[in-house]
Amino acid sequence: MSKTLSSRLAAALFSTAAFISPLKAEPIEPIRETDPKILNRYLKLLDQAYPCDWKQAHEVLGNFRLKFGKNIEVLDFACSISPYNEAHVFVRVDTHQPDKAKLLSFKHPANEGNDDPEVVFNAVWDIKTGDLTSFMKGRGLGDCGTYEVHRFTSEGYPHLLEFRAKPECDGNYVQPEKYPVVFTQPQ
């Protein structure tokens, strides 16, 4: 298994910049963790969300921890499922009740399929805006797929801001940010 570009980029960004939440004035520093005990604690939830070799993925990628609010944390676990898509599953933890951790669910527009609401693909945190963007490639060429932007609240829940889709794999590459808009939330 090899690190994908999005994982390397995220790791570089996380190690050099503070994450500024649009809902909080102070910076939130994402923390990369590699302790297998963290994975083991949430492995059942990850397996429930998406079939992947989470142990092997964690050995290579670890996970990221982001703190929201006073006692809310979100853990980002990633697993490469193909040469061009990396699945991300997020676990929300209330540090006062860590045994009640839950998978986060990402909503899509009603007319768009959402077979795996607990999974986003090729996810990258935007350090400047505090948004989580994801792009699922329809195939390796990257000429089709979906692009979505979610913003997290101070309580650690994602809200869909934008969803774009290019369902036709026509051989013409377009930046995902320029796909046709399916849904946008006024800001």
N, C-alpha and C. Protein backbone atom coordinates (compact mmCIF):
# COMPACT_ATOMS: atom_id res chain seq x y z
N MET A 1 0.85 -1.16 0.00
CA MET A 1 0.00 0.00 0.00
C MET A 1 0.90 1.23 0.00
N SER A 2 0.60 2.20 -0.80
CA SER A 2 1.40 3.42 -0.82
C SER A 2 0.56 4.61 -0.44
N LYS A 3 1.24 5.62 0.08
CA LYS A 3 0.52 6.85 0.43
C LYS A 3 0.04 7.52 -0.84
N THR A 4 -1.16 8.00 -0.83
CA THR A 4 -1.65 8.74 -1.98
C THR A 4 -1.22 10.18 -1.85
N LEU A 5 -1.34 10.92 -2.95
CA LEU A 5 -0.98 12.32 -2.96
C LEU A 5 -1.77 13.09 -1.92
N SER A 6 -3.08 12.81 -1.80
CA SER A 6 -3.89 13.56 -0.83
C SER A 6 -3.40 13.31 0.59
N SER A 7 -2.97 12.10 0.90
CA SER A 7 -2.47 11.81 2.25
C SER A 7 -1.17 12.53 2.51
N ARG A 8 -0.27 12.52 1.52
CA ARG A 8 1.00 13.21 1.70
C ARG A 8 0.78 14.71 1.83
N LEU A 9 -0.10 15.26 1.01
CA LEU A 9 -0.39 16.69 1.07
C LEU A 9 -1.00 17.04 2.42
N ALA A 10 -1.96 16.24 2.87
CA ALA A 10 -2.60 16.50 4.16
C ALA A 10 -1.58 16.43 5.28
N ALA A 11 -0.72 15.43 5.24
CA ALA A 11 0.29 15.30 6.29
C ALA A 11 1.22 16.50 6.30
N ALA A 12 1.62 16.97 5.13
CA ALA A 12 2.50 18.14 5.06
C ALA A 12 1.79 19.38 5.58
N LEU A 13 0.56 19.57 5.18
CA LEU A 13 -0.19 20.73 5.65
C LEU A 13 -0.42 20.66 7.15
N PHE A 14 -0.78 19.46 7.64
CA PHE A 14 -1.08 19.31 9.06
C PHE A 14 0.16 19.57 9.91
N SER A 15 1.32 19.20 9.40
CA SER A 15 2.52 19.35 10.21
C SER A 15 3.04 20.78 10.22
N THR A 16 2.62 21.62 9.27
CA THR A 16 3.19 22.96 9.18
C THR A 16 2.22 24.08 9.46
N ALA A 17 0.92 23.82 9.50
CA ALA A 17 -0.03 24.92 9.66
C ALA A 17 -1.09 24.59 10.69
N ALA A 18 -1.63 25.60 11.29
CA ALA A 18 -2.73 25.43 12.24
C ALA A 18 -4.03 25.43 11.47
N PHE A 19 -4.95 24.63 11.91
CA PHE A 19 -6.27 24.54 11.30
C PHE A 19 -7.15 25.56 11.98
N ILE A 20 -7.69 26.50 11.22
CA ILE A 20 -8.53 27.54 11.78
C ILE A 20 -9.98 27.19 11.49
N SER A 21 -10.75 26.96 12.52
CA SER A 21 -12.16 26.66 12.36
C SER A 21 -12.92 27.95 12.14
N PRO A 22 -13.82 27.99 11.15
CA PRO A 22 -14.59 29.20 10.94
C PRO A 22 -15.54 29.47 12.11
N LEU A 23 -15.75 28.50 12.96
CA LEU A 23 -16.67 28.65 14.08
C LEU A 23 -15.95 28.96 15.39
N LYS A 24 -14.65 28.98 15.36
CA LYS A 24 -13.86 29.25 16.56
C LYS A 24 -12.75 30.22 16.19
N ALA A 25 -12.38 31.10 17.11
CA ALA A 25 -11.34 32.08 16.85
C ALA A 25 -9.94 31.49 17.00
N GLU A 26 -9.77 30.57 17.93
CA GLU A 26 -8.44 30.03 18.17
C GLU A 26 -8.11 28.88 17.21
N PRO A 27 -6.82 28.69 16.92
CA PRO A 27 -6.43 27.62 16.00
C PRO A 27 -6.61 26.23 16.61
N ILE A 28 -6.85 25.27 15.75
CA ILE A 28 -6.93 23.87 16.14
C ILE A 28 -5.81 23.15 15.41
N GLU A 29 -4.95 22.53 16.14
CA GLU A 29 -3.81 21.85 15.55
C GLU A 29 -4.13 20.38 15.33
N PRO A 30 -4.26 19.95 14.07
CA PRO A 30 -4.48 18.52 13.82
C PRO A 30 -3.26 17.71 14.26
N ILE A 31 -3.52 16.57 14.83
CA ILE A 31 -2.45 15.74 15.35
C ILE A 31 -2.44 14.42 14.61
N ARG A 32 -1.29 14.04 14.07
CA ARG A 32 -1.15 12.74 13.43
C ARG A 32 -0.78 11.73 14.50
N GLU A 33 -1.49 10.61 14.50
CA GLU A 33 -1.24 9.56 15.49
C GLU A 33 -0.96 8.24 14.80
N THR A 34 -0.11 7.44 15.41
CA THR A 34 0.23 6.14 14.84
C THR A 34 0.06 5.00 15.84
N ASP A 35 -0.48 5.28 17.00
CA ASP A 35 -0.65 4.27 18.04
C ASP A 35 -1.73 3.27 17.63
N PRO A 36 -1.39 1.99 17.49
CA PRO A 36 -2.39 0.99 17.08
C PRO A 36 -3.53 0.84 18.09
N LYS A 37 -3.32 1.25 19.35
CA LYS A 37 -4.41 1.17 20.33
C LYS A 37 -5.58 2.07 19.94
N ILE A 38 -5.27 3.20 19.33
CA ILE A 38 -6.34 4.10 18.87
C ILE A 38 -7.16 3.40 17.79
N LEU A 39 -6.47 2.81 16.83
CA LEU A 39 -7.17 2.07 15.77
C LEU A 39 -8.00 0.95 16.37
N ASN A 40 -7.42 0.16 17.25
CA ASN A 40 -8.12 -0.99 17.83
C ASN A 40 -9.39 -0.58 18.57
N ARG A 41 -9.34 0.59 19.20
CA ARG A 41 -10.52 1.07 19.93
C ARG A 41 -11.71 1.31 19.00
N TYR A 42 -11.43 1.73 17.77
CA TYR A 42 -12.50 2.11 16.84
C TYR A 42 -12.61 1.18 15.63
N LEU A 43 -11.87 0.09 15.64
CA LEU A 43 -11.84 -0.82 14.50
C LEU A 43 -13.21 -1.37 14.13
N LYS A 44 -14.01 -1.71 15.12
CA LYS A 44 -15.34 -2.25 14.86
C LYS A 44 -16.19 -1.22 14.11
N LEU A 45 -16.12 0.04 14.49
CA LEU A 45 -16.86 1.10 13.80
C LEU A 45 -16.36 1.26 12.36
N LEU A 46 -15.04 1.23 12.17
CA LEU A 46 -14.47 1.38 10.83
C LEU A 46 -14.91 0.23 9.93
N ASP A 47 -14.84 -0.99 10.45
CA ASP A 47 -15.28 -2.16 9.67
C ASP A 47 -16.76 -2.07 9.33
N GLN A 48 -17.54 -1.53 10.24
CA GLN A 48 -18.97 -1.35 10.00
C GLN A 48 -19.22 -0.36 8.85
N ALA A 49 -18.37 0.65 8.77
CA ALA A 49 -18.55 1.69 7.76
C ALA A 49 -18.07 1.27 6.39
N TYR A 50 -16.92 0.59 6.34
CA TYR A 50 -16.33 0.31 5.02
C TYR A 50 -15.38 -0.88 5.11
N PRO A 51 -15.50 -1.82 4.18
CA PRO A 51 -14.59 -2.98 4.20
C PRO A 51 -13.21 -2.59 3.67
N CYS A 52 -12.23 -2.69 4.53
CA CYS A 52 -10.87 -2.31 4.16
C CYS A 52 -9.91 -2.99 5.14
N ASP A 53 -8.66 -3.07 4.79
CA ASP A 53 -7.65 -3.58 5.72
C ASP A 53 -7.17 -2.40 6.55
N TRP A 54 -7.96 -2.04 7.57
CA TRP A 54 -7.68 -0.86 8.37
C TRP A 54 -6.37 -0.96 9.13
N LYS A 55 -5.99 -2.16 9.54
CA LYS A 55 -4.74 -2.32 10.29
C LYS A 55 -3.54 -2.00 9.41
N GLN A 56 -3.54 -2.52 8.21
CA GLN A 56 -2.44 -2.24 7.29
C GLN A 56 -2.41 -0.75 6.94
N ALA A 57 -3.58 -0.18 6.68
CA ALA A 57 -3.66 1.24 6.34
C ALA A 57 -3.14 2.10 7.48
N HIS A 58 -3.49 1.74 8.71
CA HIS A 58 -3.07 2.53 9.87
C HIS A 58 -1.56 2.45 10.08
N GLU A 59 -0.96 1.30 9.78
CA GLU A 59 0.49 1.17 9.88
C GLU A 59 1.19 2.17 8.97
N VAL A 60 0.61 2.42 7.79
CA VAL A 60 1.22 3.33 6.82
C VAL A 60 0.81 4.78 7.06
N LEU A 61 -0.48 5.00 7.28
CA LEU A 61 -1.01 6.37 7.32
C LEU A 61 -1.26 6.92 8.72
N GLY A 62 -1.47 6.05 9.69
CA GLY A 62 -1.89 6.52 11.00
C GLY A 62 -3.29 7.10 10.91
N ASN A 63 -3.60 8.02 11.80
CA ASN A 63 -4.88 8.73 11.74
C ASN A 63 -4.62 10.16 12.19
N PHE A 64 -5.61 11.03 11.94
CA PHE A 64 -5.50 12.42 12.38
C PHE A 64 -6.59 12.68 13.40
N ARG A 65 -6.23 13.49 14.41
CA ARG A 65 -7.17 13.88 15.46
C ARG A 65 -7.33 15.39 15.38
N LEU A 66 -8.60 15.83 15.32
CA LEU A 66 -8.92 17.26 15.34
C LEU A 66 -9.83 17.53 16.52
N LYS A 67 -9.56 18.61 17.23
CA LYS A 67 -10.37 18.95 18.40
C LYS A 67 -11.33 20.06 18.03
N PHE A 68 -12.60 19.84 18.37
CA PHE A 68 -13.67 20.81 18.15
C PHE A 68 -14.34 21.05 19.49
N GLY A 69 -14.62 22.29 19.80
CA GLY A 69 -15.29 22.57 21.06
C GLY A 69 -14.44 22.14 22.24
N LYS A 70 -15.06 22.12 23.39
CA LYS A 70 -14.33 21.85 24.63
C LYS A 70 -13.90 20.39 24.76
N ASN A 71 -14.78 19.45 24.46
CA ASN A 71 -14.46 18.04 24.67
C ASN A 71 -14.85 17.17 23.47
N ILE A 72 -14.89 17.77 22.28
CA ILE A 72 -15.26 17.03 21.07
C ILE A 72 -14.04 16.86 20.19
N GLU A 73 -13.81 15.62 19.77
CA GLU A 73 -12.72 15.31 18.85
C GLU A 73 -13.26 14.52 17.66
N VAL A 74 -12.62 14.71 16.52
CA VAL A 74 -12.96 13.95 15.33
C VAL A 74 -11.69 13.26 14.86
N LEU A 75 -11.78 11.95 14.67
CA LEU A 75 -10.65 11.15 14.20
C LEU A 75 -10.86 10.81 12.74
N ASP A 76 -9.83 11.03 11.93
CA ASP A 76 -9.87 10.76 10.49
C ASP A 76 -9.00 9.54 10.22
N PHE A 77 -9.64 8.45 9.74
CA PHE A 77 -8.94 7.23 9.37
C PHE A 77 -9.06 7.07 7.85
N ALA A 78 -7.95 6.75 7.19
CA ALA A 78 -7.95 6.60 5.74
C ALA A 78 -7.44 5.23 5.34
N CYS A 79 -7.93 4.76 4.19
CA CYS A 79 -7.54 3.45 3.67
C CYS A 79 -7.58 3.49 2.15
N SER A 80 -6.48 3.14 1.50
CA SER A 80 -6.46 3.11 0.03
C SER A 80 -7.24 1.91 -0.45
N ILE A 81 -8.21 2.18 -1.32
CA ILE A 81 -9.04 1.09 -1.83
C ILE A 81 -8.78 0.82 -3.30
N SER A 82 -8.08 1.72 -3.95
CA SER A 82 -7.72 1.54 -5.35
C SER A 82 -6.52 2.45 -5.60
N PRO A 83 -5.91 2.35 -6.76
CA PRO A 83 -4.77 3.22 -7.03
C PRO A 83 -5.15 4.71 -7.08
N TYR A 84 -6.44 5.01 -7.18
CA TYR A 84 -6.84 6.41 -7.34
C TYR A 84 -7.88 6.91 -6.36
N ASN A 85 -8.39 6.10 -5.47
CA ASN A 85 -9.35 6.56 -4.47
C ASN A 85 -8.93 6.06 -3.08
N GLU A 86 -8.99 6.96 -2.12
CA GLU A 86 -8.69 6.64 -0.74
C GLU A 86 -9.94 6.94 0.10
N ALA A 87 -10.43 5.91 0.78
CA ALA A 87 -11.62 6.07 1.62
C ALA A 87 -11.23 6.70 2.96
N HIS A 88 -12.04 7.66 3.41
CA HIS A 88 -11.86 8.29 4.72
C HIS A 88 -13.12 8.06 5.54
N VAL A 89 -12.93 7.62 6.77
CA VAL A 89 -14.03 7.42 7.70
C VAL A 89 -13.70 8.27 8.93
N PHE A 90 -14.71 8.97 9.44
CA PHE A 90 -14.52 9.89 10.55
C PHE A 90 -15.32 9.42 11.76
N VAL A 91 -14.66 9.43 12.91
CA VAL A 91 -15.27 9.02 14.17
C VAL A 91 -15.33 10.25 15.08
N ARG A 92 -16.53 10.54 15.57
CA ARG A 92 -16.73 11.67 16.50
C ARG A 92 -16.69 11.13 17.92
N VAL A 93 -15.86 11.75 18.76
CA VAL A 93 -15.66 11.29 20.13
C VAL A 93 -15.92 12.44 21.09
N ASP A 94 -16.78 12.19 22.06
CA ASP A 94 -16.94 13.10 23.19
C ASP A 94 -15.97 12.57 24.25
N THR A 95 -14.96 13.34 24.59
CA THR A 95 -13.92 12.84 25.50
C THR A 95 -14.45 12.53 26.90
N HIS A 96 -15.64 13.05 27.23
CA HIS A 96 -16.26 12.70 28.51
C HIS A 96 -16.97 11.34 28.44
N GLN A 97 -17.27 10.89 27.22
CA GLN A 97 -17.93 9.60 27.01
C GLN A 97 -17.30 8.89 25.81
N PRO A 98 -16.01 8.55 25.88
CA PRO A 98 -15.31 7.99 24.72
C PRO A 98 -15.87 6.65 24.24
N ASP A 99 -16.55 5.91 25.10
CA ASP A 99 -17.11 4.63 24.67
C ASP A 99 -18.37 4.80 23.83
N LYS A 100 -18.87 6.01 23.73
CA LYS A 100 -20.06 6.29 22.91
C LYS A 100 -19.69 6.97 21.60
N ALA A 101 -18.47 6.74 21.13
CA ALA A 101 -18.02 7.31 19.86
C ALA A 101 -18.94 6.83 18.73
N LYS A 102 -19.11 7.70 17.73
CA LYS A 102 -20.00 7.37 16.61
C LYS A 102 -19.36 7.75 15.29
N LEU A 103 -19.75 7.00 14.27
CA LEU A 103 -19.33 7.34 12.91
C LEU A 103 -20.06 8.61 12.48
N LEU A 104 -19.36 9.47 11.77
CA LEU A 104 -20.02 10.64 11.21
C LEU A 104 -20.62 10.26 9.86
N SER A 105 -21.73 10.87 9.55
CA SER A 105 -22.42 10.63 8.29
C SER A 105 -22.37 11.90 7.45
N PHE A 106 -22.09 11.74 6.17
CA PHE A 106 -21.99 12.85 5.23
C PHE A 106 -23.18 12.81 4.29
N LYS A 107 -23.96 13.86 4.30
CA LYS A 107 -25.17 13.92 3.49
C LYS A 107 -24.85 14.36 2.07
N HIS A 108 -25.63 13.85 1.13
CA HIS A 108 -25.56 14.24 -0.27
C HIS A 108 -26.92 14.76 -0.70
N PRO A 109 -26.99 15.48 -1.80
CA PRO A 109 -28.30 15.91 -2.30
C PRO A 109 -29.21 14.70 -2.55
N ALA A 110 -30.51 14.92 -2.44
CA ALA A 110 -31.50 13.83 -2.55
C ALA A 110 -31.38 13.06 -3.86
N ASN A 111 -31.08 13.72 -4.96
CA ASN A 111 -31.03 13.04 -6.25
C ASN A 111 -29.69 12.37 -6.55
N GLU A 112 -28.75 12.43 -5.59
CA GLU A 112 -27.45 11.79 -5.77
C GLU A 112 -27.38 10.56 -4.88
N GLY A 113 -26.89 9.46 -5.42
CA GLY A 113 -26.76 8.24 -4.63
C GLY A 113 -25.77 8.44 -3.49
N ASN A 114 -26.02 7.77 -2.40
CA ASN A 114 -25.11 7.84 -1.26
C ASN A 114 -25.09 6.47 -0.59
N ASP A 115 -24.45 5.51 -1.26
CA ASP A 115 -24.40 4.14 -0.76
C ASP A 115 -23.59 4.00 0.53
N ASP A 116 -22.61 4.89 0.71
CA ASP A 116 -21.74 4.84 1.88
C ASP A 116 -21.73 6.20 2.56
N PRO A 117 -22.77 6.56 3.32
CA PRO A 117 -22.82 7.90 3.91
C PRO A 117 -21.73 8.17 4.95
N GLU A 118 -21.08 7.14 5.45
CA GLU A 118 -20.02 7.34 6.44
C GLU A 118 -18.64 7.48 5.80
N VAL A 119 -18.59 7.48 4.46
CA VAL A 119 -17.31 7.51 3.75
C VAL A 119 -17.24 8.69 2.80
N VAL A 120 -16.10 9.38 2.82
CA VAL A 120 -15.78 10.34 1.77
C VAL A 120 -14.44 9.91 1.17
N PHE A 121 -14.20 10.30 -0.05
CA PHE A 121 -13.01 9.82 -0.76
C PHE A 121 -12.02 10.95 -1.03
N ASN A 122 -10.74 10.61 -0.90
CA ASN A 122 -9.66 11.55 -1.20
C ASN A 122 -9.87 12.86 -0.45
N ALA A 123 -10.18 12.77 0.81
CA ALA A 123 -10.50 13.94 1.63
C ALA A 123 -9.25 14.74 1.99
N VAL A 124 -9.41 16.05 1.95
CA VAL A 124 -8.33 16.97 2.30
C VAL A 124 -8.92 18.12 3.10
N TRP A 125 -8.30 18.45 4.23
CA TRP A 125 -8.72 19.60 5.02
C TRP A 125 -8.13 20.85 4.41
N ASP A 126 -8.94 21.87 4.24
CA ASP A 126 -8.46 23.17 3.78
C ASP A 126 -8.13 23.98 5.03
N ILE A 127 -6.86 24.21 5.24
CA ILE A 127 -6.39 24.86 6.46
C ILE A 127 -6.96 26.27 6.59
N LYS A 128 -7.08 27.00 5.48
CA LYS A 128 -7.55 28.39 5.53
C LYS A 128 -9.02 28.51 5.87
N THR A 129 -9.86 27.65 5.28
CA THR A 129 -11.31 27.79 5.47
C THR A 129 -11.87 26.86 6.53
N GLY A 130 -11.15 25.79 6.86
CA GLY A 130 -11.66 24.81 7.80
C GLY A 130 -12.64 23.85 7.15
N ASP A 131 -12.66 23.81 5.82
CA ASP A 131 -13.57 22.93 5.10
C ASP A 131 -12.88 21.61 4.75
N LEU A 132 -13.68 20.57 4.67
CA LEU A 132 -13.20 19.27 4.23
C LEU A 132 -13.68 19.08 2.79
N THR A 133 -12.77 18.95 1.87
CA THR A 133 -13.15 18.71 0.47
C THR A 133 -12.84 17.25 0.14
N SER A 134 -13.64 16.71 -0.76
CA SER A 134 -13.38 15.35 -1.21
C SER A 134 -13.74 15.23 -2.68
N PHE A 135 -13.04 14.33 -3.34
CA PHE A 135 -13.22 14.10 -4.78
C PHE A 135 -13.16 12.61 -5.01
N MET A 136 -14.27 12.05 -5.46
CA MET A 136 -14.27 10.62 -5.80
C MET A 136 -14.13 10.50 -7.30
N LYS A 137 -13.03 9.89 -7.72
CA LYS A 137 -12.80 9.69 -9.14
C LYS A 137 -13.67 8.55 -9.63
N GLY A 138 -14.38 8.78 -10.74
CA GLY A 138 -15.19 7.74 -11.34
C GLY A 138 -14.33 6.66 -11.98
N ARG A 139 -13.14 7.03 -12.38
CA ARG A 139 -12.14 6.10 -12.90
C ARG A 139 -10.78 6.76 -12.80
N GLY A 140 -9.71 5.99 -13.04
CA GLY A 140 -8.36 6.47 -12.84
C GLY A 140 -7.99 7.73 -13.59
N LEU A 141 -8.54 7.92 -14.76
CA LEU A 141 -8.25 9.11 -15.56
C LEU A 141 -8.70 10.38 -14.86
N GLY A 142 -9.68 10.27 -13.98
CA GLY A 142 -10.17 11.44 -13.25
C GLY A 142 -11.03 12.35 -14.09
N ASP A 143 -11.61 11.82 -15.16
CA ASP A 143 -12.44 12.64 -16.05
C ASP A 143 -13.92 12.63 -15.67
N CYS A 144 -14.23 11.99 -14.55
CA CYS A 144 -15.61 11.97 -14.06
C CYS A 144 -15.57 11.69 -12.57
N GLY A 145 -16.67 12.00 -11.91
CA GLY A 145 -16.72 11.75 -10.47
C GLY A 145 -17.54 12.79 -9.76
N THR A 146 -17.31 12.91 -8.46
CA THR A 146 -18.03 13.88 -7.63
C THR A 146 -17.03 14.68 -6.82
N TYR A 147 -17.44 15.88 -6.45
CA TYR A 147 -16.64 16.78 -5.63
C TYR A 147 -17.57 17.37 -4.59
N GLU A 148 -17.15 17.33 -3.33
CA GLU A 148 -18.01 17.85 -2.27
C GLU A 148 -17.19 18.63 -1.25
N VAL A 149 -17.86 19.59 -0.62
CA VAL A 149 -17.25 20.42 0.42
C VAL A 149 -18.16 20.37 1.64
N HIS A 150 -17.56 20.01 2.78
CA HIS A 150 -18.29 19.97 4.05
C HIS A 150 -17.60 20.89 5.04
N ARG A 151 -18.38 21.57 5.86
CA ARG A 151 -17.83 22.40 6.94
C ARG A 151 -18.27 21.78 8.26
N PHE A 152 -17.33 21.70 9.18
CA PHE A 152 -17.62 21.13 10.49
C PHE A 152 -18.04 22.22 11.47
N THR A 153 -19.03 21.88 12.28
CA THR A 153 -19.46 22.80 13.34
C THR A 153 -18.52 22.65 14.53
N SER A 154 -18.67 23.53 15.50
CA SER A 154 -17.85 23.43 16.71
C SER A 154 -18.19 22.19 17.52
N GLU A 155 -19.31 21.55 17.20
CA GLU A 155 -19.70 20.29 17.85
C GLU A 155 -19.19 19.06 17.10
N GLY A 156 -18.42 19.29 16.01
CA GLY A 156 -17.80 18.18 15.29
C GLY A 156 -18.70 17.45 14.32
N TYR A 157 -19.72 18.13 13.78
CA TYR A 157 -20.61 17.53 12.80
C TYR A 157 -20.41 18.19 11.44
N PRO A 158 -20.35 17.39 10.36
CA PRO A 158 -20.17 17.98 9.03
C PRO A 158 -21.50 18.44 8.43
N HIS A 159 -21.44 19.55 7.69
CA HIS A 159 -22.60 20.05 6.95
C HIS A 159 -22.19 20.29 5.51
N LEU A 160 -22.97 19.78 4.59
CA LEU A 160 -22.67 19.91 3.17
C LEU A 160 -22.83 21.36 2.73
N LEU A 161 -21.77 21.90 2.13
CA LEU A 161 -21.81 23.26 1.57
C LEU A 161 -21.97 23.23 0.06
N GLU A 162 -21.34 22.25 -0.57
CA GLU A 162 -21.33 22.21 -2.04
C GLU A 162 -21.18 20.78 -2.52
N PHE A 163 -21.90 20.45 -3.58
CA PHE A 163 -21.78 19.13 -4.21
C PHE A 163 -21.77 19.34 -5.71
N ARG A 164 -20.78 18.79 -6.39
CA ARG A 164 -20.65 18.89 -7.85
C ARG A 164 -20.49 17.48 -8.40
N ALA A 165 -20.93 17.29 -9.63
CA ALA A 165 -20.81 15.96 -10.23
C ALA A 165 -20.61 16.06 -11.74
N LYS A 166 -19.79 15.17 -12.24
CA LYS A 166 -19.61 14.97 -13.68
C LYS A 166 -19.75 13.47 -13.90
N PRO A 167 -20.96 13.00 -14.18
CA PRO A 167 -21.18 11.56 -14.29
C PRO A 167 -20.62 10.92 -15.57
N GLU A 168 -20.46 11.70 -16.63
CA GLU A 168 -19.99 11.14 -17.90
C GLU A 168 -18.47 11.03 -17.92
N CYS A 169 -17.99 9.82 -18.09
CA CYS A 169 -16.55 9.58 -18.24
C CYS A 169 -16.24 9.69 -19.73
N ASP A 170 -15.94 10.92 -20.17
CA ASP A 170 -15.83 11.21 -21.60
C ASP A 170 -14.41 11.43 -22.09
N GLY A 171 -13.42 11.23 -21.23
CA GLY A 171 -12.03 11.41 -21.63
C GLY A 171 -11.55 12.85 -21.52
N ASN A 172 -12.44 13.77 -21.17
CA ASN A 172 -12.07 15.18 -21.02
C ASN A 172 -11.93 15.51 -19.54
N TYR A 173 -10.69 15.75 -19.12
CA TYR A 173 -10.44 16.06 -17.72
C TYR A 173 -10.84 17.51 -17.44
N VAL A 174 -11.56 17.70 -16.35
CA VAL A 174 -11.95 19.01 -15.85
C VAL A 174 -11.62 19.03 -14.36
N GLN A 175 -11.11 20.15 -13.87
CA GLN A 175 -10.86 20.25 -12.44
C GLN A 175 -12.16 19.96 -11.70
N PRO A 176 -12.16 19.11 -10.67
CA PRO A 176 -13.39 18.78 -9.95
C PRO A 176 -14.13 20.00 -9.41
N GLU A 177 -13.38 21.04 -9.04
CA GLU A 177 -13.98 22.27 -8.54
C GLU A 177 -14.82 22.97 -9.61
N LYS A 178 -14.67 22.54 -10.87
CA LYS A 178 -15.41 23.15 -11.98
C LYS A 178 -16.49 22.23 -12.55
N TYR A 179 -16.72 21.10 -11.89
CA TYR A 179 -17.83 20.23 -12.30
C TYR A 179 -19.13 21.02 -12.17
N PRO A 180 -20.18 20.59 -12.87
CA PRO A 180 -21.48 21.25 -12.71
C PRO A 180 -21.98 21.16 -11.27
N VAL A 181 -22.53 22.27 -10.78
CA VAL A 181 -23.05 22.34 -9.41
C VAL A 181 -24.38 21.60 -9.33
N VAL A 182 -24.48 20.69 -8.37
CA VAL A 182 -25.70 19.96 -8.10
C VAL A 182 -26.42 20.60 -6.89
N PHE A 183 -25.60 21.01 -5.91
CA PHE A 183 -26.15 21.61 -4.69
C PHE A 183 -25.15 22.61 -4.14
N THR A 184 -25.66 23.72 -3.65
CA THR A 184 -24.83 24.68 -2.94
C THR A 184 -25.63 25.27 -1.79
N GLN A 185 -24.98 25.42 -0.65
CA GLN A 185 -25.60 25.99 0.54
C GLN A 185 -25.14 27.44 0.64
N PRO A 186 -26.06 28.39 0.67
CA PRO A 186 -25.63 29.79 0.82
C PRO A 186 -24.86 29.97 2.14
N GLN A 187 -23.79 30.76 2.07
CA GLN A 187 -22.94 30.95 3.26
C GLN A 187 -23.12 32.31 3.85
